[in-house]
Full PDB file with SEQRES, HELIX, SHEET, SSBOND, CRYST1, ORIGX, SCALE, CONECT and MASTER records, all heavy atoms in Angstrom:
SEQRES   1 A   39  PHE PRO ASN ASN ILE ALA THR PHE SER VAL GLY ALA SER          
SEQRES   2 A   39  SER GLU VAL GLU GLU THR ASP PRO ALA ASN TRP ARG PRO          
SEQRES   3 A   39  LEU LYS PHE ILE SER ASP LEU SER SER LEU PRO SER ARG          
HELIX    1 AA1 PRO A   21  ASN A   23  5                                   3    
SHEET    1 AA1 2 ILE A   5  ALA A   6  0                                        
SHEET    2 AA1 2 ARG A  25  PRO A  26 -1                                        
SHEET    1 AA2 2 PHE A   8  VAL A  10  0                                        
SHEET    2 AA2 2 GLU A  15  GLU A  17 -1                                        
CRYST1    1.000    1.000    1.000  90.00  90.00  90.00 P 1           1          
ORIGX1      1.000000  0.000000  0.000000        0.00000                         
ORIGX2      0.000000  1.000000  0.000000        0.00000                         
ORIGX3      0.000000  0.000000  1.000000        0.00000                         
SCALE1      1.000000  0.000000  0.000000        0.00000                         
SCALE2      0.000000  1.000000  0.000000        0.00000                         
SCALE3      0.000000  0.000000  1.000000        0.00000                         
ATOM      1  N   PHE A   1       0.132  12.578   4.746  1.00  0.00           N  
ATOM      2  CA  PHE A   1      -0.772  11.726   3.971  1.00  0.00           C  
ATOM      3  C   PHE A   1      -0.060  10.578   3.247  1.00  0.00           C  
ATOM      4  O   PHE A   1      -0.437   9.411   3.437  1.00  0.00           O  
ATOM      5  CB  PHE A   1      -1.581  12.561   2.984  1.00  0.00           C  
ATOM      6  CG  PHE A   1      -2.585  11.754   2.209  1.00  0.00           C  
ATOM      7  CD1 PHE A   1      -3.797  11.423   2.767  1.00  0.00           C  
ATOM      8  CD2 PHE A   1      -2.300  11.317   0.934  1.00  0.00           C  
ATOM      9  CE1 PHE A   1      -4.728  10.669   2.064  1.00  0.00           C  
ATOM     10  CE2 PHE A   1      -3.215  10.561   0.221  1.00  0.00           C  
ATOM     11  CZ  PHE A   1      -4.434  10.235   0.790  1.00  0.00           C  
ATOM     12  N   PRO A   2       0.966  10.833   2.415  1.00  0.00           N  
ATOM     13  CA  PRO A   2       1.574   9.708   1.692  1.00  0.00           C  
ATOM     14  C   PRO A   2       2.334   8.737   2.597  1.00  0.00           C  
ATOM     15  O   PRO A   2       2.645   7.619   2.191  1.00  0.00           O  
ATOM     16  CB  PRO A   2       2.519  10.385   0.697  1.00  0.00           C  
ATOM     17  CG  PRO A   2       2.807  11.719   1.288  1.00  0.00           C  
ATOM     18  CD  PRO A   2       1.572  12.107   2.057  1.00  0.00           C  
ATOM     19  N   ASN A   3       2.607   9.148   3.829  1.00  0.00           N  
ATOM     20  CA  ASN A   3       3.281   8.272   4.780  1.00  0.00           C  
ATOM     21  C   ASN A   3       2.308   7.478   5.637  1.00  0.00           C  
ATOM     22  O   ASN A   3       2.705   6.518   6.289  1.00  0.00           O  
ATOM     23  CB  ASN A   3       4.197   9.096   5.684  1.00  0.00           C  
ATOM     24  CG  ASN A   3       5.313   9.732   4.911  1.00  0.00           C  
ATOM     25  OD1 ASN A   3       6.211   9.057   4.456  1.00  0.00           O  
ATOM     26  ND2 ASN A   3       5.235  11.034   4.730  1.00  0.00           N  
ATOM     27  N   ASN A   4       1.051   7.892   5.654  1.00  0.00           N  
ATOM     28  CA  ASN A   4       0.053   7.249   6.502  1.00  0.00           C  
ATOM     29  C   ASN A   4      -0.988   6.443   5.744  1.00  0.00           C  
ATOM     30  O   ASN A   4      -1.587   5.540   6.302  1.00  0.00           O  
ATOM     31  CB  ASN A   4      -0.697   8.297   7.338  1.00  0.00           C  
ATOM     32  CG  ASN A   4       0.168   8.930   8.393  1.00  0.00           C  
ATOM     33  OD1 ASN A   4       1.220   8.427   8.737  1.00  0.00           O  
ATOM     34  ND2 ASN A   4      -0.272  10.055   8.899  1.00  0.00           N  
ATOM     35  N   ILE A   5      -1.232   6.804   4.490  1.00  0.00           N  
ATOM     36  CA  ILE A   5      -2.331   6.180   3.750  1.00  0.00           C  
ATOM     37  C   ILE A   5      -1.852   5.674   2.395  1.00  0.00           C  
ATOM     38  O   ILE A   5      -1.273   6.421   1.613  1.00  0.00           O  
ATOM     39  CB  ILE A   5      -3.494   7.179   3.576  1.00  0.00           C  
ATOM     40  CG1 ILE A   5      -4.016   7.557   4.965  1.00  0.00           C  
ATOM     41  CG2 ILE A   5      -4.593   6.592   2.712  1.00  0.00           C  
ATOM     42  CD1 ILE A   5      -5.109   8.566   4.975  1.00  0.00           C  
ATOM     43  N   ALA A   6      -2.090   4.401   2.151  1.00  0.00           N  
ATOM     44  CA  ALA A   6      -1.758   3.791   0.862  1.00  0.00           C  
ATOM     45  C   ALA A   6      -2.946   3.992  -0.070  1.00  0.00           C  
ATOM     46  O   ALA A   6      -4.014   3.417   0.135  1.00  0.00           O  
ATOM     47  CB  ALA A   6      -1.461   2.308   1.030  1.00  0.00           C  
ATOM     48  N   THR A   7      -2.759   4.818  -1.073  1.00  0.00           N  
ATOM     49  CA  THR A   7      -3.810   5.051  -2.076  1.00  0.00           C  
ATOM     50  C   THR A   7      -3.634   4.093  -3.245  1.00  0.00           C  
ATOM     51  O   THR A   7      -4.122   4.335  -4.335  1.00  0.00           O  
ATOM     52  CB  THR A   7      -3.747   6.500  -2.586  1.00  0.00           C  
ATOM     53  OG1 THR A   7      -2.459   6.721  -3.160  1.00  0.00           O  
ATOM     54  CG2 THR A   7      -3.993   7.486  -1.461  1.00  0.00           C  
ATOM     55  N   PHE A   8      -2.949   3.016  -2.996  1.00  0.00           N  
ATOM     56  CA  PHE A   8      -2.605   2.049  -4.034  1.00  0.00           C  
ATOM     57  C   PHE A   8      -2.745   0.638  -3.487  1.00  0.00           C  
ATOM     58  O   PHE A   8      -2.799   0.425  -2.275  1.00  0.00           O  
ATOM     59  CB  PHE A   8      -1.162   2.279  -4.512  1.00  0.00           C  
ATOM     60  CG  PHE A   8      -0.158   2.203  -3.394  1.00  0.00           C  
ATOM     61  CD1 PHE A   8       0.414   0.991  -3.025  1.00  0.00           C  
ATOM     62  CD2 PHE A   8       0.212   3.345  -2.694  1.00  0.00           C  
ATOM     63  CE1 PHE A   8       1.324   0.920  -1.984  1.00  0.00           C  
ATOM     64  CE2 PHE A   8       1.131   3.285  -1.650  1.00  0.00           C  
ATOM     65  CZ  PHE A   8       1.683   2.068  -1.295  1.00  0.00           C  
ATOM     66  N   SER A   9      -2.813  -0.315  -4.381  1.00  0.00           N  
ATOM     67  CA  SER A   9      -2.725  -1.722  -4.007  1.00  0.00           C  
ATOM     68  C   SER A   9      -1.414  -2.248  -4.573  1.00  0.00           C  
ATOM     69  O   SER A   9      -0.803  -1.634  -5.451  1.00  0.00           O  
ATOM     70  CB  SER A   9      -3.926  -2.512  -4.544  1.00  0.00           C  
ATOM     71  OG  SER A   9      -3.994  -2.408  -5.953  1.00  0.00           O  
ATOM     72  N   VAL A  10      -0.970  -3.356  -4.054  1.00  0.00           N  
ATOM     73  CA  VAL A  10       0.297  -3.943  -4.488  1.00  0.00           C  
ATOM     74  C   VAL A  10      -0.012  -5.142  -5.363  1.00  0.00           C  
ATOM     75  O   VAL A  10      -0.646  -6.104  -4.922  1.00  0.00           O  
ATOM     76  CB  VAL A  10       1.161  -4.353  -3.279  1.00  0.00           C  
ATOM     77  CG1 VAL A  10       2.436  -5.019  -3.736  1.00  0.00           C  
ATOM     78  CG2 VAL A  10       1.460  -3.140  -2.408  1.00  0.00           C  
ATOM     79  N   GLY A  11       0.422  -5.041  -6.626  1.00  0.00           N  
ATOM     80  CA  GLY A  11       0.241  -6.139  -7.561  1.00  0.00           C  
ATOM     81  C   GLY A  11       1.473  -7.024  -7.583  1.00  0.00           C  
ATOM     82  O   GLY A  11       2.381  -6.868  -6.768  1.00  0.00           O  
ATOM     83  N   ALA A  12       1.533  -7.930  -8.523  1.00  0.00           N  
ATOM     84  CA  ALA A  12       2.646  -8.872  -8.615  1.00  0.00           C  
ATOM     85  C   ALA A  12       3.983  -8.167  -8.750  1.00  0.00           C  
ATOM     86  O   ALA A  12       4.971  -8.583  -8.160  1.00  0.00           O  
ATOM     87  CB  ALA A  12       2.423  -9.818  -9.787  1.00  0.00           C  
ATOM     88  N   SER A  13       4.029  -7.089  -9.505  1.00  0.00           N  
ATOM     89  CA  SER A  13       5.320  -6.434  -9.702  1.00  0.00           C  
ATOM     90  C   SER A  13       5.260  -4.915  -9.596  1.00  0.00           C  
ATOM     91  O   SER A  13       6.249  -4.254  -9.879  1.00  0.00           O  
ATOM     92  CB  SER A  13       5.882  -6.826 -11.073  1.00  0.00           C  
ATOM     93  OG  SER A  13       5.003  -6.394 -12.088  1.00  0.00           O  
ATOM     94  N   SER A  14       4.093  -4.375  -9.212  1.00  0.00           N  
ATOM     95  CA  SER A  14       3.999  -2.918  -9.168  1.00  0.00           C  
ATOM     96  C   SER A  14       2.889  -2.455  -8.226  1.00  0.00           C  
ATOM     97  O   SER A  14       2.089  -3.256  -7.747  1.00  0.00           O  
ATOM     98  CB  SER A  14       3.743  -2.364 -10.572  1.00  0.00           C  
ATOM     99  OG  SER A  14       2.479  -2.796 -11.037  1.00  0.00           O  
ATOM    100  N   GLU A  15       2.861  -1.150  -7.999  1.00  0.00           N  
ATOM    101  CA  GLU A  15       1.786  -0.530  -7.242  1.00  0.00           C  
ATOM    102  C   GLU A  15       0.758  -0.002  -8.234  1.00  0.00           C  
ATOM    103  O   GLU A  15       1.119   0.551  -9.268  1.00  0.00           O  
ATOM    104  CB  GLU A  15       2.332   0.620  -6.393  1.00  0.00           C  
ATOM    105  CG  GLU A  15       3.318   0.158  -5.343  1.00  0.00           C  
ATOM    106  CD  GLU A  15       3.972   1.317  -4.604  1.00  0.00           C  
ATOM    107  OE1 GLU A  15       3.547   2.479  -4.791  1.00  0.00           O  
ATOM    108  OE2 GLU A  15       4.907   1.063  -3.842  1.00  0.00           O  
ATOM    109  N   VAL A  16      -0.516  -0.175  -7.909  1.00  0.00           N  
ATOM    110  CA  VAL A  16      -1.608   0.253  -8.776  1.00  0.00           C  
ATOM    111  C   VAL A  16      -2.443   1.282  -8.027  1.00  0.00           C  
ATOM    112  O   VAL A  16      -2.913   1.007  -6.908  1.00  0.00           O  
ATOM    113  CB  VAL A  16      -2.490  -0.949  -9.185  1.00  0.00           C  
ATOM    114  CG1 VAL A  16      -3.658  -0.505 -10.032  1.00  0.00           C  
ATOM    115  CG2 VAL A  16      -1.658  -2.011  -9.881  1.00  0.00           C  
ATOM    116  N   GLU A  17      -2.635   2.470  -8.606  1.00  0.00           N  
ATOM    117  CA  GLU A  17      -3.457   3.502  -7.969  1.00  0.00           C  
ATOM    118  C   GLU A  17      -4.875   2.994  -7.794  1.00  0.00           C  
ATOM    119  O   GLU A  17      -5.455   2.402  -8.703  1.00  0.00           O  
ATOM    120  CB  GLU A  17      -3.479   4.778  -8.818  1.00  0.00           C  
ATOM    121  CG  GLU A  17      -2.182   5.533  -8.804  1.00  0.00           C  
ATOM    122  CD  GLU A  17      -2.235   6.799  -9.656  1.00  0.00           C  
ATOM    123  OE1 GLU A  17      -3.115   6.906 -10.546  1.00  0.00           O  
ATOM    124  OE2 GLU A  17      -1.385   7.671  -9.436  1.00  0.00           O  
ATOM    125  N   GLU A  18      -5.437   3.250  -6.618  1.00  0.00           N  
ATOM    126  CA  GLU A  18      -6.810   2.861  -6.315  1.00  0.00           C  
ATOM    127  C   GLU A  18      -7.673   4.116  -6.337  1.00  0.00           C  
ATOM    128  O   GLU A  18      -7.538   4.982  -5.481  1.00  0.00           O  
ATOM    129  CB  GLU A  18      -6.895   2.200  -4.935  1.00  0.00           C  
ATOM    130  CG  GLU A  18      -6.275   0.827  -4.874  1.00  0.00           C  
ATOM    131  CD  GLU A  18      -7.102  -0.234  -5.576  1.00  0.00           C  
ATOM    132  OE1 GLU A  18      -8.298  -0.002  -5.858  1.00  0.00           O  
ATOM    133  OE2 GLU A  18      -6.546  -1.310  -5.846  1.00  0.00           O  
ATOM    134  N   THR A  19      -8.550   4.231  -7.302  1.00  0.00           N  
ATOM    135  CA  THR A  19      -9.406   5.412  -7.412  1.00  0.00           C  
ATOM    136  C   THR A  19     -10.604   5.354  -6.467  1.00  0.00           C  
ATOM    137  O   THR A  19     -11.261   6.353  -6.255  1.00  0.00           O  
ATOM    138  CB  THR A  19      -9.896   5.602  -8.858  1.00  0.00           C  
ATOM    139  OG1 THR A  19     -10.627   4.439  -9.248  1.00  0.00           O  
ATOM    140  CG2 THR A  19      -8.725   5.849  -9.799  1.00  0.00           C  
ATOM    141  N   ASP A  20     -10.879   4.185  -5.888  1.00  0.00           N  
ATOM    142  CA  ASP A  20     -11.949   4.031  -4.909  1.00  0.00           C  
ATOM    143  C   ASP A  20     -11.339   4.146  -3.510  1.00  0.00           C  
ATOM    144  O   ASP A  20     -10.612   3.248  -3.077  1.00  0.00           O  
ATOM    145  CB  ASP A  20     -12.632   2.682  -5.073  1.00  0.00           C  
ATOM    146  CG  ASP A  20     -13.800   2.485  -4.109  1.00  0.00           C  
ATOM    147  OD1 ASP A  20     -14.000   3.335  -3.209  1.00  0.00           O  
ATOM    148  OD2 ASP A  20     -14.503   1.472  -4.268  1.00  0.00           O  
ATOM    149  N   PRO A  21     -11.614   5.231  -2.775  1.00  0.00           N  
ATOM    150  CA  PRO A  21     -11.026   5.404  -1.441  1.00  0.00           C  
ATOM    151  C   PRO A  21     -11.355   4.267  -0.465  1.00  0.00           C  
ATOM    152  O   PRO A  21     -10.644   4.085   0.516  1.00  0.00           O  
ATOM    153  CB  PRO A  21     -11.620   6.728  -0.957  1.00  0.00           C  
ATOM    154  CG  PRO A  21     -11.976   7.463  -2.191  1.00  0.00           C  
ATOM    155  CD  PRO A  21     -12.403   6.401  -3.172  1.00  0.00           C  
ATOM    156  N   ALA A  22     -12.399   3.503  -0.725  1.00  0.00           N  
ATOM    157  CA  ALA A  22     -12.701   2.358   0.136  1.00  0.00           C  
ATOM    158  C   ALA A  22     -11.595   1.310   0.068  1.00  0.00           C  
ATOM    159  O   ALA A  22     -11.483   0.454   0.952  1.00  0.00           O  
ATOM    160  CB  ALA A  22     -14.045   1.743  -0.255  1.00  0.00           C  
ATOM    161  N   ASN A  23     -10.757   1.376  -0.963  1.00  0.00           N  
ATOM    162  CA  ASN A  23      -9.648   0.437  -1.102  1.00  0.00           C  
ATOM    163  C   ASN A  23      -8.332   0.982  -0.545  1.00  0.00           C  
ATOM    164  O   ASN A  23      -7.306   0.340  -0.665  1.00  0.00           O  
ATOM    165  CB  ASN A  23      -9.453   0.058  -2.572  1.00  0.00           C  
ATOM    166  CG  ASN A  23     -10.607  -0.762  -3.090  1.00  0.00           C  
ATOM    167  OD1 ASN A  23     -11.250  -1.490  -2.330  1.00  0.00           O  
ATOM    168  ND2 ASN A  23     -10.889  -0.647  -4.371  1.00  0.00           N  
ATOM    169  N   TRP A  24      -8.363   2.168   0.038  1.00  0.00           N  
ATOM    170  CA  TRP A  24      -7.158   2.727   0.661  1.00  0.00           C  
ATOM    171  C   TRP A  24      -6.991   2.116   2.049  1.00  0.00           C  
ATOM    172  O   TRP A  24      -7.954   1.807   2.735  1.00  0.00           O  
ATOM    173  CB  TRP A  24      -7.264   4.235   0.767  1.00  0.00           C  
ATOM    174  CG  TRP A  24      -7.317   4.944  -0.549  1.00  0.00           C  
ATOM    175  CD1 TRP A  24      -7.214   4.399  -1.802  1.00  0.00           C  
ATOM    176  CD2 TRP A  24      -7.491   6.343  -0.755  1.00  0.00           C  
ATOM    177  NE1 TRP A  24      -7.318   5.373  -2.759  1.00  0.00           N  
ATOM    178  CE2 TRP A  24      -7.490   6.586  -2.146  1.00  0.00           C  
ATOM    179  CE3 TRP A  24      -7.669   7.421   0.095  1.00  0.00           C  
ATOM    180  CZ2 TRP A  24      -7.633   7.856  -2.683  1.00  0.00           C  
ATOM    181  CZ3 TRP A  24      -7.817   8.679  -0.437  1.00  0.00           C  
ATOM    182  CH2 TRP A  24      -7.794   8.893  -1.810  1.00  0.00           C  
ATOM    183  N   ARG A  25      -5.739   1.964   2.454  1.00  0.00           N  
ATOM    184  CA  ARG A  25      -5.440   1.322   3.733  1.00  0.00           C  
ATOM    185  C   ARG A  25      -4.342   2.092   4.464  1.00  0.00           C  
ATOM    186  O   ARG A  25      -3.601   2.858   3.871  1.00  0.00           O  
ATOM    187  CB  ARG A  25      -4.971  -0.131   3.513  1.00  0.00           C  
ATOM    188  CG  ARG A  25      -5.999  -1.046   2.887  1.00  0.00           C  
ATOM    189  CD  ARG A  25      -7.195  -1.234   3.807  1.00  0.00           C  
ATOM    190  NE  ARG A  25      -8.137  -2.204   3.322  1.00  0.00           N  
ATOM    191  CZ  ARG A  25      -9.213  -1.920   2.589  1.00  0.00           C  
ATOM    192  NH1 ARG A  25      -9.477  -0.684   2.237  1.00  0.00           N  
ATOM    193  NH2 ARG A  25     -10.029  -2.866   2.217  1.00  0.00           N  
ATOM    194  N   PRO A  26      -4.204   1.850   5.771  1.00  0.00           N  
ATOM    195  CA  PRO A  26      -3.116   2.467   6.529  1.00  0.00           C  
ATOM    196  C   PRO A  26      -1.759   2.018   5.997  1.00  0.00           C  
ATOM    197  O   PRO A  26      -1.583   0.866   5.592  1.00  0.00           O  
ATOM    198  CB  PRO A  26      -3.330   1.945   7.949  1.00  0.00           C  
ATOM    199  CG  PRO A  26      -4.754   1.524   7.997  1.00  0.00           C  
ATOM    200  CD  PRO A  26      -5.081   1.049   6.617  1.00  0.00           C  
ATOM    201  N   LEU A  27      -0.810   2.933   6.021  1.00  0.00           N  
ATOM    202  CA  LEU A  27       0.527   2.636   5.486  1.00  0.00           C  
ATOM    203  C   LEU A  27       1.625   2.863   6.515  1.00  0.00           C  
ATOM    204  O   LEU A  27       2.742   2.404   6.342  1.00  0.00           O  
ATOM    205  CB  LEU A  27       0.787   3.512   4.254  1.00  0.00           C  
ATOM    206  CG  LEU A  27       2.082   3.298   3.489  1.00  0.00           C  
ATOM    207  CD1 LEU A  27       2.134   1.873   2.925  1.00  0.00           C  
ATOM    208  CD2 LEU A  27       2.215   4.306   2.369  1.00  0.00           C  
ATOM    209  N   LYS A  28       1.329   3.561   7.596  1.00  0.00           N  
ATOM    210  CA  LYS A  28       2.350   3.926   8.570  1.00  0.00           C  
ATOM    211  C   LYS A  28       3.139   2.693   9.027  1.00  0.00           C  
ATOM    212  O   LYS A  28       2.575   1.628   9.204  1.00  0.00           O  
ATOM    213  CB  LYS A  28       1.706   4.603   9.770  1.00  0.00           C  
ATOM    214  CG  LYS A  28       2.710   5.270  10.698  1.00  0.00           C  
ATOM    215  CD  LYS A  28       2.045   5.846  11.918  1.00  0.00           C  
ATOM    216  CE  LYS A  28       1.270   7.076  11.610  1.00  0.00           C  
ATOM    217  NZ  LYS A  28       0.711   7.729  12.792  1.00  0.00           N  
ATOM    218  N   PHE A  29       4.422   2.871   9.217  1.00  0.00           N  
ATOM    219  CA  PHE A  29       5.375   1.871   9.691  1.00  0.00           C  
ATOM    220  C   PHE A  29       5.808   0.889   8.610  1.00  0.00           C  
ATOM    221  O   PHE A  29       6.621   0.024   8.866  1.00  0.00           O  
ATOM    222  CB  PHE A  29       4.854   1.064  10.884  1.00  0.00           C  
ATOM    223  CG  PHE A  29       4.447   1.886  12.056  1.00  0.00           C  
ATOM    224  CD1 PHE A  29       3.122   2.008  12.402  1.00  0.00           C  
ATOM    225  CD2 PHE A  29       5.390   2.555  12.814  1.00  0.00           C  
ATOM    226  CE1 PHE A  29       2.735   2.775  13.484  1.00  0.00           C  
ATOM    227  CE2 PHE A  29       5.014   3.326  13.900  1.00  0.00           C  
ATOM    228  CZ  PHE A  29       3.681   3.427  14.230  1.00  0.00           C  
ATOM    229  N   ILE A  30       5.283   0.993   7.415  1.00  0.00           N  
ATOM    230  CA  ILE A  30       5.673   0.060   6.356  1.00  0.00           C  
ATOM    231  C   ILE A  30       6.629   0.788   5.428  1.00  0.00           C  
ATOM    232  O   ILE A  30       6.259   1.724   4.745  1.00  0.00           O  
ATOM    233  CB  ILE A  30       4.443  -0.456   5.584  1.00  0.00           C  
ATOM    234  CG1 ILE A  30       3.524  -1.213   6.538  1.00  0.00           C  
ATOM    235  CG2 ILE A  30       4.877  -1.359   4.428  1.00  0.00           C  
ATOM    236  CD1 ILE A  30       2.201  -1.619   5.942  1.00  0.00           C  
ATOM    237  N   SER A  31       7.882   0.343   5.432  1.00  0.00           N  
ATOM    238  CA  SER A  31       8.882   1.041   4.622  1.00  0.00           C  
ATOM    239  C   SER A  31       9.365   0.219   3.435  1.00  0.00           C  
ATOM    240  O   SER A  31      10.002   0.750   2.544  1.00  0.00           O  
ATOM    241  CB  SER A  31      10.086   1.437   5.500  1.00  0.00           C  
ATOM    242  OG  SER A  31      10.654   0.301   6.108  1.00  0.00           O  
ATOM    243  N   ASP A  32       9.061  -1.070   3.427  1.00  0.00           N  
ATOM    244  CA  ASP A  32       9.530  -1.913   2.329  1.00  0.00           C  
ATOM    245  C   ASP A  32       8.379  -2.784   1.837  1.00  0.00           C  
ATOM    246  O   ASP A  32       7.926  -3.687   2.526  1.00  0.00           O  
ATOM    247  CB  ASP A  32      10.690  -2.792   2.807  1.00  0.00           C  
ATOM    248  CG  ASP A  32      11.239  -3.694   1.718  1.00  0.00           C  
ATOM    249  OD1 ASP A  32      10.916  -3.486   0.526  1.00  0.00           O  
ATOM    250  OD2 ASP A  32      12.001  -4.616   2.054  1.00  0.00           O  
ATOM    251  N   LEU A  33       7.910  -2.481   0.638  1.00  0.00           N  
ATOM    252  CA  LEU A  33       6.810  -3.250   0.058  1.00  0.00           C  
ATOM    253  C   LEU A  33       7.300  -4.342  -0.883  1.00  0.00           C  
ATOM    254  O   LEU A  33       6.500  -5.048  -1.487  1.00  0.00           O  
ATOM    255  CB  LEU A  33       5.872  -2.310  -0.709  1.00  0.00           C  
ATOM    256  CG  LEU A  33       5.125  -1.282   0.140  1.00  0.00           C  
ATOM    257  CD1 LEU A  33       4.458  -0.239  -0.755  1.00  0.00           C  
ATOM    258  CD2 LEU A  33       4.096  -1.965   1.014  1.00  0.00           C  
ATOM    259  N   SER A  34       8.617  -4.506  -0.988  1.00  0.00           N  
ATOM    260  CA  SER A  34       9.163  -5.448  -1.962  1.00  0.00           C  
ATOM    261  C   SER A  34       9.029  -6.902  -1.529  1.00  0.00           C  
ATOM    262  O   SER A  34       9.061  -7.802  -2.360  1.00  0.00           O  
ATOM    263  CB  SER A  34      10.632  -5.129  -2.249  1.00  0.00           C  
ATOM    264  OG  SER A  34      11.408  -5.306  -1.079  1.00  0.00           O  
ATOM    265  N   SER A  35       8.900  -7.153  -0.237  1.00  0.00           N  
ATOM    266  CA  SER A  35       8.692  -8.528   0.215  1.00  0.00           C  
ATOM    267  C   SER A  35       7.509  -8.550   1.162  1.00  0.00           C  
ATOM    268  O   SER A  35       7.311  -7.641   1.965  1.00  0.00           O  
ATOM    269  CB  SER A  35       9.943  -9.077   0.910  1.00  0.00           C  
ATOM    270  OG  SER A  35      10.271  -8.288   2.026  1.00  0.00           O  
ATOM    271  N   LEU A  36       6.704  -9.587   1.072  1.00  0.00           N  
ATOM    272  CA  LEU A  36       5.498  -9.686   1.886  1.00  0.00           C  
ATOM    273  C   LEU A  36       5.858  -9.834   3.361  1.00  0.00           C  
ATOM    274  O   LEU A  36       6.887 -10.419   3.706  1.00  0.00           O  
ATOM    275  CB  LEU A  36       4.649 -10.867   1.429  1.00  0.00           C  
ATOM    276  CG  LEU A  36       3.989 -10.708   0.063  1.00  0.00           C  
ATOM    277  CD1 LEU A  36       3.212 -11.968  -0.300  1.00  0.00           C  
ATOM    278  CD2 LEU A  36       3.065  -9.501   0.038  1.00  0.00           C  
ATOM    279  N   PRO A  37       4.996  -9.321   4.236  1.00  0.00           N  
ATOM    280  CA  PRO A  37       5.251  -9.441   5.669  1.00  0.00           C  
ATOM    281  C   PRO A  37       5.083 -10.879   6.147  1.00  0.00           C  
ATOM    282  O   PRO A  37       4.463 -11.700   5.474  1.00  0.00           O  
ATOM    283  CB  PRO A  37       4.184  -8.537   6.292  1.00  0.00           C  
ATOM    284  CG  PRO A  37       3.071  -8.537   5.297  1.00  0.00           C  
ATOM    285  CD  PRO A  37       3.730  -8.652   3.953  1.00  0.00           C  
ATOM    286  N   SER A  38       5.637 -11.147   7.311  1.00  0.00           N  
ATOM    287  CA  SER A  38       5.445 -12.460   7.934  1.00  0.00           C  
ATOM    288  C   SER A  38       5.089 -12.245   9.400  1.00  0.00           C  
ATOM    289  O   SER A  38       5.508 -11.270  10.009  1.00  0.00           O  
ATOM    290  CB  SER A  38       6.712 -13.314   7.814  1.00  0.00           C  
ATOM    291  OG  SER A  38       7.787 -12.697   8.489  1.00  0.00           O  
ATOM    292  N   ARG A  39       4.322 -13.162   9.939  1.00  0.00           N  
ATOM    293  CA  ARG A  39       3.925 -13.047  11.346  1.00  0.00           C  
ATOM    294  C   ARG A  39       5.171 -13.070  12.226  1.00  0.00           C  
ATOM    295  O   ARG A  39       5.984 -13.963  12.139  1.00  0.00           O  
ATOM    296  CB  ARG A  39       2.994 -14.177  11.728  1.00  0.00           C  
ATOM    297  CG  ARG A  39       1.681 -14.090  11.018  1.00  0.00           C  
ATOM    298  CD  ARG A  39       0.709 -15.165  11.497  1.00  0.00           C  
ATOM    299  NE  ARG A  39      -0.435 -15.214  10.625  1.00  0.00           N  
ATOM    300  CZ  ARG A  39      -1.417 -14.324  10.586  1.00  0.00           C  
ATOM    301  NH1 ARG A  39      -1.375 -13.305  11.397  1.00  0.00           N  
ATOM    302  NH2 ARG A  39      -2.416 -14.430   9.746  1.00  0.00           N  
TER     303      ARG A  39                                                      
MASTER        0    0    0    1    4    0    0    6  302    1    0    3          
END                                                                             
């Protein structure tokens, strides 16, 4: 579960728990949230 589903959103400097499951997203394959992805 914690490796597949992000129960949080990413703010400017931290992760924020999302209590609404509709805001949860897939997390698999993402190992570094410190820099935004690029195409």
